């Protein structure tokens, strides 16, 4: 198991069931997108932040 998988496994046990379920869904979504080679279709965090900043300015 990779270090990331081990960290996720440990964290899932410490979070509330609701948070753990949300994280599991997000990770499942990322895996599905990676399998479909669709990750490059997502905007990067800096791009999303810039849009949010622009919306805040108006």
PDB file of N, CA and C in Angstrom:
ATOM      1  N   UNK A   1       0.859  -1.175   0.000  1.00  0.00           N
ATOM      2  CA  UNK A   1       0.000   0.000   0.000  1.00  0.00           C
ATOM      3  C   UNK A   1       0.902   1.234   0.000  1.00  0.00           C
ATOM      4  N   UNK A   2       0.532   2.233  -0.766  1.00  0.00           N
ATOM      5  CA  UNK A   2       1.335   3.455  -0.820  1.00  0.00           C
ATOM      6  C   UNK A   2       1.144   4.273   0.448  1.00  0.00           C
ATOM      7  N   UNK A   3       2.044   5.227   0.646  1.00  0.00           N
ATOM      8  CA  UNK A   3       1.957   6.089   1.816  1.00  0.00           C
ATOM      9  C   UNK A   3       0.642   6.870   1.799  1.00  0.00           C
ATOM     10  N   UNK A   4       0.226   7.318   0.643  1.00  0.00           N
ATOM     11  CA  UNK A   4      -1.030   8.060   0.539  1.00  0.00           C
ATOM     12  C   UNK A   4      -2.220   7.184   0.916  1.00  0.00           C
ATOM     13  N   UNK A   5      -2.240   5.954   0.432  1.00  0.00           N
ATOM     14  CA  UNK A   5      -3.336   5.042   0.756  1.00  0.00           C
ATOM     15  C   UNK A   5      -3.368   4.736   2.251  1.00  0.00           C
ATOM     16  N   UNK A   6      -2.194   4.567   2.835  1.00  0.00           N
ATOM     17  CA  UNK A   6      -2.132   4.320   4.277  1.00  0.00           C
ATOM     18  C   UNK A   6      -2.648   5.521   5.063  1.00  0.00           C
ATOM     19  N   UNK A   7      -2.255   6.726   4.635  1.00  0.00           N
ATOM     20  CA  UNK A   7      -2.714   7.942   5.316  1.00  0.00           C
ATOM     21  C   UNK A   7      -4.230   8.075   5.202  1.00  0.00           C
ATOM     22  N   UNK A   8      -4.768   7.826   4.023  1.00  0.00           N
ATOM     23  CA  UNK A   8      -6.207   7.904   3.822  1.00  0.00           C
ATOM     24  C   UNK A   8      -6.932   6.886   4.701  1.00  0.00           C
ATOM     25  N   UNK A   9      -6.406   5.673   4.766  1.00  0.00           N
ATOM     26  CA  UNK A   9      -7.014   4.629   5.579  1.00  0.00           C
ATOM     27  C   UNK A   9      -7.056   5.033   7.054  1.00  0.00           C
ATOM     28  N   UNK A  10      -5.969   5.599   7.550  1.00  0.00           N
ATOM     29  CA  UNK A  10      -5.926   6.047   8.947  1.00  0.00           C
ATOM     30  C   UNK A  10      -6.894   7.202   9.191  1.00  0.00           C
ATOM     31  N   UNK A  11      -6.933   8.160   8.280  1.00  0.00           N
ATOM     32  CA  UNK A  11      -7.800   9.322   8.445  1.00  0.00           C
ATOM     33  C   UNK A  11      -9.275   8.949   8.390  1.00  0.00           C
ATOM     34  N   UNK A  12      -9.634   8.044   7.505  1.00  0.00           N
ATOM     35  CA  UNK A  12     -11.035   7.637   7.389  1.00  0.00           C
ATOM     36  C   UNK A  12     -11.560   7.102   8.716  1.00  0.00           C
ATOM     37  N   UNK A  13     -10.691   6.453   9.473  1.00  0.00           N
ATOM     38  CA  UNK A  13     -11.099   5.891  10.759  1.00  0.00           C
ATOM     39  C   UNK A  13     -11.282   6.962  11.828  1.00  0.00           C
ATOM     40  N   UNK A  14     -10.721   8.153  11.617  1.00  0.00           N
ATOM     41  CA  UNK A  14     -10.797   9.203  12.641  1.00  0.00           C
ATOM     42  C   UNK A  14     -11.896  10.223  12.369  1.00  0.00           C
ATOM     43  N   UNK A  15     -12.318  10.329  11.124  1.00  0.00           N
ATOM     44  CA  UNK A  15     -13.333  11.320  10.771  1.00  0.00           C
ATOM     45  C   UNK A  15     -14.731  10.830  11.140  1.00  0.00           C
ATOM     46  N   UNK A  16     -15.656  11.786  11.221  1.00  0.00           N
ATOM     47  CA  UNK A  16     -17.042  11.408  11.447  1.00  0.00           C
ATOM     48  C   UNK A  16     -17.523  10.578  10.251  1.00  0.00           C
ATOM     49  N   UNK A  17     -18.540   9.761  10.438  1.00  0.00           N
ATOM     50  CA  UNK A  17     -19.037   8.957   9.312  1.00  0.00           C
ATOM     51  C   UNK A  17     -19.457   9.813   8.107  1.00  0.00           C
ATOM     52  N   UNK A  18     -20.007  10.982   8.373  1.00  0.00           N
ATOM     53  CA  UNK A  18     -20.438  11.852   7.275  1.00  0.00           C
ATOM     54  C   UNK A  18     -19.246  12.352   6.470  1.00  0.00           C
ATOM     55  N   UNK A  19     -18.213  12.801   7.170  1.00  0.00           N
ATOM     56  CA  UNK A  19     -17.011  13.301   6.490  1.00  0.00           C
ATOM     57  C   UNK A  19     -16.329  12.158   5.747  1.00  0.00           C
ATOM     58  N   UNK A  20     -16.209  11.006   6.385  1.00  0.00           N
ATOM     59  CA  UNK A  20     -15.584   9.850   5.744  1.00  0.00           C
ATOM     60  C   UNK A  20     -16.337   9.464   4.470  1.00  0.00           C
ATOM     61  N   UNK A  21     -17.647   9.500   4.503  1.00  0.00           N
ATOM     62  CA  UNK A  21     -18.448   9.160   3.320  1.00  0.00           C
ATOM     63  C   UNK A  21     -18.222  10.174   2.197  1.00  0.00           C
ATOM     64  N   UNK A  22     -18.129  11.454   2.551  1.00  0.00           N
ATOM     65  CA  UNK A  22     -17.868  12.481   1.533  1.00  0.00           C
ATOM     66  C   UNK A  22     -16.494  12.294   0.899  1.00  0.00           C
ATOM     67  N   UNK A  23     -15.498  12.010   1.726  1.00  0.00           N
ATOM     68  CA  UNK A  23     -14.149  11.798   1.210  1.00  0.00           C
ATOM     69  C   UNK A  23     -14.117  10.560   0.321  1.00  0.00           C
ATOM     70  N   UNK A  24     -14.760   9.495   0.748  1.00  0.00           N
ATOM     71  CA  UNK A  24     -14.803   8.282  -0.069  1.00  0.00           C
ATOM     72  C   UNK A  24     -15.439   8.561  -1.427  1.00  0.00           C
ATOM     73  N   UNK A  25     -16.506   9.361  -1.449  1.00  0.00           N
ATOM     74  CA  UNK A  25     -17.156   9.688  -2.716  1.00  0.00           C
ATOM     75  C   UNK A  25     -16.237  10.517  -3.606  1.00  0.00           C
ATOM     76  N   UNK A  26     -15.552  11.494  -3.017  1.00  0.00           N
ATOM     77  CA  UNK A  26     -14.630  12.328  -3.795  1.00  0.00           C
ATOM     78  C   UNK A  26     -13.488  11.494  -4.376  1.00  0.00           C
ATOM     79  N   UNK A  27     -12.924  10.613  -3.569  1.00  0.00           N
ATOM     80  CA  UNK A  27     -11.833   9.758  -4.047  1.00  0.00           C
ATOM     81  C   UNK A  27     -12.344   8.834  -5.148  1.00  0.00           C
ATOM     82  N   UNK A  28     -13.527   8.294  -4.981  1.00  0.00           N
ATOM     83  CA  UNK A  28     -14.119   7.443  -6.022  1.00  0.00           C
ATOM     84  C   UNK A  28     -14.313   8.216  -7.313  1.00  0.00           C
ATOM     85  N   UNK A  29     -14.749   9.457  -7.203  1.00  0.00           N
ATOM     86  CA  UNK A  29     -14.935  10.293  -8.390  1.00  0.00           C
ATOM     87  C   UNK A  29     -13.605  10.546  -9.099  1.00  0.00           C
ATOM     88  N   UNK A  30     -12.559  10.832  -8.332  1.00  0.00           N
ATOM     89  CA  UNK A  30     -11.237  11.084  -8.920  1.00  0.00           C
ATOM     90  C   UNK A  30     -10.721   9.821  -9.605  1.00  0.00           C
ATOM     91  N   UNK A  31     -10.906   8.661  -8.982  1.00  0.00           N
ATOM     92  CA  UNK A  31     -10.481   7.406  -9.596  1.00  0.00           C
ATOM     93  C   UNK A  31     -11.219   7.185 -10.916  1.00  0.00           C
ATOM     94  N   UNK A  32     -12.514   7.430 -10.916  1.00  0.00           N
ATOM     95  CA  UNK A  32     -13.303   7.251 -12.143  1.00  0.00           C
ATOM     96  C   UNK A  32     -12.832   8.202 -13.241  1.00  0.00           C
ATOM     97  N   UNK A  33     -12.549   9.445 -12.870  1.00  0.00           N
ATOM     98  CA  UNK A  33     -12.062  10.404 -13.872  1.00  0.00           C
ATOM     99  C   UNK A  33     -10.682  10.002 -14.394  1.00  0.00           C
ATOM    100  N   UNK A  34      -9.815   9.513 -13.508  1.00  0.00           N
ATOM    101  CA  UNK A  34      -8.488   9.069 -13.938  1.00  0.00           C
ATOM    102  C   UNK A  34      -8.599   7.878 -14.890  1.00  0.00           C
ATOM    103  N   UNK A  35      -9.498   6.948 -14.579  1.00  0.00           N
ATOM    104  CA  UNK A  35      -9.710   5.795 -15.451  1.00  0.00           C
ATOM    105  C   UNK A  35     -10.189   6.218 -16.834  1.00  0.00           C
ATOM    106  N   UNK A  36     -10.939   7.312 -16.882  1.00  0.00           N
ATOM    107  CA  UNK A  36     -11.472   7.809 -18.153  1.00  0.00           C
ATOM    108  C   UNK A  36     -10.546   8.840 -18.806  1.00  0.00           C
ATOM    109  N   UNK A  37      -9.357   9.022 -18.228  1.00  0.00           N
ATOM    110  CA  UNK A  37      -8.411  10.031 -18.723  1.00  0.00           C
ATOM    111  C   UNK A  37      -9.054  11.405 -18.825  1.00  0.00           C
ATOM    112  N   UNK A  38      -9.887  11.731 -17.836  1.00  0.00           N
ATOM    113  CA  UNK A  38     -10.623  12.989 -17.874  1.00  0.00           C
ATOM    114  C   UNK A  38     -10.131  14.008 -16.852  1.00  0.00           C
ATOM    115  N   UNK A  39      -9.060  13.704 -16.140  1.00  0.00           N
ATOM    116  CA  UNK A  39      -8.589  14.638 -15.122  1.00  0.00           C
ATOM    117  C   UNK A  39      -8.114  15.959 -15.718  1.00  0.00           C
ATOM    118  N   UNK A  40      -7.595  15.916 -16.941  1.00  0.00           N
ATOM    119  CA  UNK A  40      -7.107  17.151 -17.551  1.00  0.00           C
ATOM    120  C   UNK A  40      -8.247  18.086 -17.948  1.00  0.00           C
ATOM    121  N   UNK A  41      -9.482  17.624 -17.837  1.00  0.00           N
ATOM    122  CA  UNK A  41     -10.630  18.467 -18.159  1.00  0.00           C
ATOM    123  C   UNK A  41     -11.038  19.362 -16.996  1.00  0.00           C
ATOM    124  N   UNK A  42     -10.515  19.074 -15.813  1.00  0.00           N
ATOM    125  CA  UNK A  42     -10.855  19.856 -14.632  1.00  0.00           C
ATOM    126  C   UNK A  42     -10.001  21.112 -14.574  1.00  0.00           C
ATOM    127  N   UNK A  43     -10.589  22.235 -14.153  1.00  0.00           N
ATOM    128  CA  UNK A  43      -9.769  23.439 -13.996  1.00  0.00           C
ATOM    129  C   UNK A  43      -8.847  23.279 -12.788  1.00  0.00           C
ATOM    130  N   UNK A  44      -7.689  23.909 -12.873  1.00  0.00           N
ATOM    131  CA  UNK A  44      -6.753  23.830 -11.754  1.00  0.00           C
ATOM    132  C   UNK A  44      -7.244  24.694 -10.598  1.00  0.00           C
ATOM    133  N   UNK A  45      -6.727  24.440  -9.416  1.00  0.00           N
ATOM    134  CA  UNK A  45      -7.117  25.219  -8.237  1.00  0.00           C
ATOM    135  C   UNK A  45      -6.819  26.711  -8.419  1.00  0.00           C
ATOM    136  N   UNK A  46      -5.652  27.078  -8.972  1.00  0.00           N
ATOM    137  CA  UNK A  46      -5.400  28.515  -9.172  1.00  0.00           C
ATOM    138  C   UNK A  46      -6.421  29.172 -10.102  1.00  0.00           C
ATOM    139  N   UNK A  47      -6.861  28.440 -11.118  1.00  0.00           N
ATOM    140  CA  UNK A  47      -7.860  28.990 -12.036  1.00  0.00           C
ATOM    141  C   UNK A  47      -9.185  29.193 -11.311  1.00  0.00           C
ATOM    142  N   UNK A  48      -9.593  28.201 -10.542  1.00  0.00           N
ATOM    143  CA  UNK A  48     -10.844  28.307  -9.782  1.00  0.00           C
ATOM    144  C   UNK A  48     -10.754  29.472  -8.799  1.00  0.00           C
ATOM    145  N   UNK A  49      -9.609  29.603  -8.115  1.00  0.00           N
ATOM    146  CA  UNK A  49      -9.446  30.684  -7.150  1.00  0.00           C
ATOM    147  C   UNK A  49      -9.497  32.047  -7.833  1.00  0.00           C
ATOM    148  N   UNK A  50      -8.899  32.160  -9.008  1.00  0.00           N
ATOM    149  CA  UNK A  50      -8.923  33.434  -9.734  1.00  0.00           C
ATOM    150  C   UNK A  50     -10.358  33.814 -10.096  1.00  0.00           C
ATOM    151  N   UNK A  51     -11.140  32.850 -10.541  1.00  0.00           N
ATOM    152  CA  UNK A  51     -12.544  33.116 -10.874  1.00  0.00           C
ATOM    153  C   UNK A  51     -13.298  33.556  -9.621  1.00  0.00           C
ATOM    154  N   UNK A  52     -13.077  32.855  -8.517  1.00  0.00           N
ATOM    155  CA  UNK A  52     -13.745  33.237  -7.271  1.00  0.00           C
ATOM    156  C   UNK A  52     -13.350  34.641  -6.815  1.00  0.00           C
ATOM    157  N   UNK A  53     -12.062  34.967  -6.960  1.00  0.00           N
ATOM    158  CA  UNK A  53     -11.591  36.309  -6.615  1.00  0.00           C
ATOM    159  C   UNK A  53     -12.263  37.362  -7.487  1.00  0.00           C
ATOM    160  N   UNK A  54     -12.372  37.074  -8.775  1.00  0.00           N
ATOM    161  CA  UNK A  54     -13.028  38.018  -9.683  1.00  0.00           C
ATOM    162  C   UNK A  54     -14.492  38.204  -9.337  1.00  0.00           C
ATOM    163  N   UNK A  55     -15.162  37.140  -8.947  1.00  0.00           N
ATOM    164  CA  UNK A  55     -16.561  37.239  -8.557  1.00  0.00           C
ATOM    165  C   UNK A  55     -16.717  38.039  -7.267  1.00  0.00           C
ATOM    166  N   UNK A  56     -15.764  37.886  -6.350  1.00  0.00           N
ATOM    167  CA  UNK A  56     -15.801  38.641  -5.105  1.00  0.00           C
ATOM    168  C   UNK A  56     -15.620  40.139  -5.333  1.00  0.00           C
ATOM    169  N   UNK A  57     -14.843  40.494  -6.361  1.00  0.00           N
ATOM    170  CA  UNK A  57     -14.574  41.899  -6.651  1.00  0.00           C
ATOM    171  C   UNK A  57     -15.801  42.631  -7.160  1.00  0.00           C
ATOM    172  N   UNK A  58     -16.677  41.903  -7.828  1.00  0.00           N
ATOM    173  CA  UNK A  58     -17.850  42.577  -8.409  1.00  0.00           C
ATOM    174  C   UNK A  58     -18.998  42.689  -7.457  1.00  0.00           C
TER     175      UNK A  58
END
